[in-house]
Protein backbone atom coordinates (compact mmCIF):
# COMPACT_ATOMS: atom_id res chain seq x y z
CA UNK A 1 12.62 -17.06 47.12
CA UNK A 2 15.15 -14.97 45.39
CA UNK A 3 14.66 -17.04 42.17
CA UNK A 4 10.96 -16.32 42.26
CA UNK A 5 11.55 -12.66 42.55
CA UNK A 6 13.99 -12.43 39.79
CA UNK A 7 11.69 -14.52 37.57
CA UNK A 8 8.70 -12.17 38.51
CA UNK A 9 10.95 -9.17 37.87
CA UNK A 10 11.87 -10.49 34.48
CA UNK A 11 8.24 -11.22 33.58
CA UNK A 12 6.97 -7.68 34.43
CA UNK A 13 9.95 -6.16 32.46
CA UNK A 14 9.09 -8.06 29.30
CA UNK A 15 5.54 -7.54 29.59
CA UNK A 16 6.08 -3.80 29.81
CA UNK A 17 7.82 -3.75 26.58
CA UNK A 18 4.80 -4.78 24.80
CA UNK A 19 2.49 -2.73 26.90
CA UNK A 20 4.17 0.74 25.89
CA UNK A 21 4.84 -0.29 22.28
CA UNK A 22 8.03 1.77 22.13
CA UNK A 23 8.57 0.97 18.37
CA UNK A 24 5.54 0.74 16.02
CA UNK A 25 6.38 -0.62 12.60
CA UNK A 26 5.88 1.26 9.22
CA UNK A 27 3.33 -0.41 7.08
CA UNK A 28 3.53 -0.12 3.21
CA UNK A 29 0.99 -1.99 0.90
CA UNK A 30 0.20 -2.06 -2.62
CA UNK A 31 1.83 -0.69 -5.82
CA UNK A 32 4.28 2.10 -5.23
CA UNK A 33 2.76 5.02 -7.19
CA UNK A 34 5.23 7.82 -8.23
CA UNK A 35 4.52 11.24 -9.96
CA UNK A 36 7.11 9.85 -12.68
CA UNK A 37 5.04 6.66 -13.37
CA UNK A 38 1.73 8.60 -13.78
CA UNK A 39 3.13 11.21 -15.97
CA UNK A 40 4.16 8.51 -18.24
CA UNK A 41 0.51 7.41 -18.74
CA UNK A 42 -0.70 8.66 -22.11
CA UNK A 43 -4.21 8.21 -23.53
CA UNK A 44 -4.23 5.56 -26.10
CA UNK A 45 -1.87 3.10 -24.40
CA UNK A 46 -2.74 -0.61 -24.43
CA UNK A 47 -3.40 -2.38 -21.12
CA UNK A 48 0.06 -4.31 -21.70
CA UNK A 49 1.87 -0.81 -21.80
CA UNK A 50 0.10 0.65 -18.80
CA UNK A 51 0.95 -2.63 -16.82
CA UNK A 52 4.63 -2.24 -18.00
CA UNK A 53 4.48 1.46 -16.46
CA UNK A 54 2.50 0.72 -13.14
CA UNK A 55 2.88 -2.77 -12.55
CA UNK A 56 -0.08 -5.40 -12.08
CA UNK A 57 -3.11 -3.73 -10.74
CA UNK A 58 -3.95 -4.10 -6.98
CA UNK A 59 -7.64 -4.41 -7.56
CA UNK A 60 -9.18 -6.20 -10.76
CA UNK A 61 -12.83 -6.03 -11.45
CA UNK A 62 -14.26 -9.05 -13.30
CA UNK A 63 -17.45 -7.42 -14.05
CA UNK A 64 -15.63 -4.37 -15.47
CA UNK A 65 -12.66 -5.29 -17.26
CA UNK A 66 -12.04 -1.77 -18.58
CA UNK A 67 -10.78 -0.73 -15.38
CA UNK A 68 -7.47 -1.03 -13.52
CA UNK A 69 -7.24 0.18 -9.77
CA UNK A 70 -3.81 1.03 -8.39
CA UNK A 71 -3.46 1.74 -4.74
CA UNK A 72 -0.80 2.56 -2.56
CA UNK A 73 -1.19 2.84 1.36
CA UNK A 74 1.56 3.98 3.77
CA UNK A 75 1.28 4.22 7.59
CA UNK A 76 4.12 5.09 9.67
CA UNK A 77 4.78 4.45 13.23
CA UNK A 78 2.78 7.53 14.54
CA UNK A 79 -0.28 6.54 12.99
CA UNK A 80 -0.12 9.04 9.91
CA UNK A 81 -2.07 7.28 7.09
CA UNK A 82 -1.56 8.07 3.46
CA UNK A 83 -3.55 6.59 0.52
CA UNK A 84 -2.86 7.20 -3.08
CA UNK A 85 -5.20 5.86 -5.66
CA UNK A 86 -4.81 5.92 -9.47
CA UNK A 87 -7.63 4.42 -11.80
CA UNK A 88 -6.97 3.68 -15.37
CA UNK A 89 -10.19 3.66 -17.51
CA UNK A 90 -9.92 1.77 -20.98
CA UNK A 91 -12.25 1.81 -23.88
CA UNK A 92 -11.72 -0.72 -26.74
CA UNK A 93 -8.46 -1.98 -25.14
CA UNK A 94 -6.89 1.71 -25.15
CA UNK A 95 -6.36 3.86 -22.14
CA UNK A 96 -9.18 6.55 -22.14
CA UNK A 97 -8.57 8.27 -18.85
CA UNK A 98 -6.62 8.39 -15.74
CA UNK A 99 -8.21 9.33 -12.52
CA UNK A 100 -5.90 10.21 -9.53
CA UNK A 101 -6.81 10.67 -5.88
């Protein structure tokens, strides 16, 4: 009887930890985009130069090879969700414009 009571108490204790979710993880995805990196981008740069500054793009569009998408998402344990996007547009293999949002 005592063994069952202890087992039941232990099970309830362990289940309550997952129910209340005391610790929620921080989720970071994509390329880390800093103001320093985006300020280093200049019109006229080649795709290889842009990739050396920003890294490999997260999104590649096969139908539109003149576009590189860099996305960074950050969600902390409280539910705050930040998304940073940088789109690099190319013309003739050279950087034409940079769109930030």
